[in-house]
């Protein structure tokens, strides 16, 4: 009953039958992992006394000595050494970009910001 029965019922050897199944698994599907929007996470140095919390929406603005981070009208920090690709992306976006605060440092002097 074992192997002879399986071969007579399937018609094809087991390996050949699943060759097409592997191709179907490799094809993109509903849960494709390609990201549609690029987000860059950078570390910003916060000013003393500013009050921010995780999830705040911030404005990242290009300046002469790096990128400035503000919460509306008040400046709260600075990205001192941004990557050239991030600087170019902010400048191409009109000099401004939206950022979301992901994490505040242990001492409150740094923050990780996800820039879109």
Protein backbone atom coordinates (compact mmCIF):
# COMPACT_ATOMS: atom_id res chain seq x y z
CA UNK A 1 0.00 0.00 0.00
CA UNK A 2 2.63 2.76 0.47
CA UNK A 3 4.67 4.18 -2.34
CA UNK A 4 2.99 2.26 -5.17
CA UNK A 5 -0.43 3.59 -4.17
CA UNK A 6 0.79 7.21 -4.02
CA UNK A 7 2.45 6.98 -7.43
CA UNK A 8 -0.61 5.41 -9.05
CA UNK A 9 -2.97 8.07 -7.64
CA UNK A 10 -0.89 11.16 -8.41
CA UNK A 11 0.27 10.28 -11.90
CA UNK A 12 3.50 12.27 -11.58
CA UNK A 13 6.42 11.71 -9.28
CA UNK A 14 6.22 13.81 -6.14
CA UNK A 15 9.15 16.10 -7.04
CA UNK A 16 7.82 17.01 -10.46
CA UNK A 17 4.42 17.71 -9.01
CA UNK A 18 5.81 20.33 -6.59
CA UNK A 19 8.12 22.07 -9.08
CA UNK A 20 5.22 24.30 -10.12
CA UNK A 21 4.30 24.86 -6.48
CA UNK A 22 7.70 26.39 -5.74
CA UNK A 23 7.30 28.77 -8.67
CA UNK A 24 3.90 29.83 -7.35
CA UNK A 25 5.33 30.47 -3.89
CA UNK A 26 8.07 32.71 -5.32
CA UNK A 27 5.58 34.83 -7.31
CA UNK A 28 4.42 38.14 -5.74
CA UNK A 29 1.12 37.90 -3.93
CA UNK A 30 -1.18 39.98 -1.80
CA UNK A 31 1.40 40.08 0.99
CA UNK A 32 4.32 41.25 -1.14
CA UNK A 33 7.16 42.70 0.94
CA UNK A 34 8.09 45.59 -1.37
CA UNK A 35 7.90 48.90 0.45
CA UNK A 36 6.05 51.64 -1.38
CA UNK A 37 7.25 54.63 0.62
CA UNK A 38 10.86 55.08 1.68
CA UNK A 39 11.47 56.21 5.24
CA UNK A 40 14.87 57.06 6.67
CA UNK A 41 15.59 56.99 10.39
CA UNK A 42 18.12 59.52 11.68
CA UNK A 43 19.32 60.62 15.10
CA UNK A 44 18.71 64.23 16.07
CA UNK A 45 20.25 66.18 18.95
CA UNK A 46 17.45 67.78 20.99
CA UNK A 47 17.63 71.16 22.68
CA UNK A 48 17.58 71.27 26.46
CA UNK A 49 14.12 71.64 27.94
CA UNK A 50 12.08 70.64 24.89
CA UNK A 51 9.18 68.31 25.60
CA UNK A 52 8.50 65.70 22.95
CA UNK A 53 6.96 62.25 22.99
CA UNK A 54 6.95 59.20 20.76
CA UNK A 55 4.62 59.55 17.79
CA UNK A 56 4.88 63.35 17.46
CA UNK A 57 4.86 64.68 13.90
CA UNK A 58 7.83 66.97 13.29
CA UNK A 59 9.10 69.19 10.48
CA UNK A 60 12.60 68.61 9.12
CA UNK A 61 13.97 71.69 7.34
CA UNK A 62 17.20 72.07 5.40
CA UNK A 63 19.65 74.67 6.66
CA UNK A 64 23.19 75.82 6.05
CA UNK A 65 24.77 73.57 8.72
CA UNK A 66 22.60 70.45 8.53
CA UNK A 67 18.92 69.86 9.05
CA UNK A 68 16.76 71.62 11.62
CA UNK A 69 13.94 69.82 13.43
CA UNK A 70 10.92 71.78 14.62
CA UNK A 71 7.55 71.12 16.19
CA UNK A 72 5.41 73.70 14.45
CA UNK A 73 7.03 77.09 15.06
CA UNK A 74 9.53 76.18 17.77
CA UNK A 75 12.88 74.61 16.95
CA UNK A 76 13.51 71.54 19.07
CA UNK A 77 16.68 70.04 17.62
CA UNK A 78 19.19 69.58 14.85
CA UNK A 79 20.50 66.76 12.69
CA UNK A 80 24.16 67.74 12.54
CA UNK A 81 25.62 65.22 10.11
CA UNK A 82 22.88 63.99 7.75
CA UNK A 83 23.65 61.66 4.87
CA UNK A 84 23.95 63.27 1.43
CA UNK A 85 20.98 61.25 0.18
CA UNK A 86 18.76 62.56 3.01
CA UNK A 87 19.89 66.15 2.43
CA UNK A 88 19.14 65.84 -1.28
CA UNK A 89 15.73 64.30 -0.61
CA UNK A 90 14.75 67.15 1.73
CA UNK A 91 15.96 69.80 -0.70
CA UNK A 92 14.11 68.14 -3.59
CA UNK A 93 10.94 68.24 -1.48
CA UNK A 94 11.01 72.03 -1.30
CA UNK A 95 13.33 72.24 1.69
CA UNK A 96 10.91 70.55 4.08
CA UNK A 97 10.05 66.98 5.01
CA UNK A 98 7.72 65.31 7.49
CA UNK A 99 9.19 63.29 10.30
CA UNK A 100 7.72 61.09 13.03
CA UNK A 101 9.46 60.74 16.38
CA UNK A 102 10.19 57.04 16.91
CA UNK A 103 12.17 57.05 20.16
CA UNK A 104 13.61 59.52 22.66
CA UNK A 105 17.03 58.78 24.12
CA UNK A 106 17.56 57.75 27.74
CA UNK A 107 18.71 61.20 28.89
CA UNK A 108 16.32 63.13 26.63
CA UNK A 109 19.10 64.72 24.57
CA UNK A 110 18.70 62.62 21.40
CA UNK A 111 15.78 61.30 19.39
CA UNK A 112 15.33 58.90 16.51
CA UNK A 113 13.19 60.45 13.77
CA UNK A 114 11.73 58.63 10.79
CA UNK A 115 11.83 61.06 7.84
CA UNK A 116 9.48 60.46 4.89
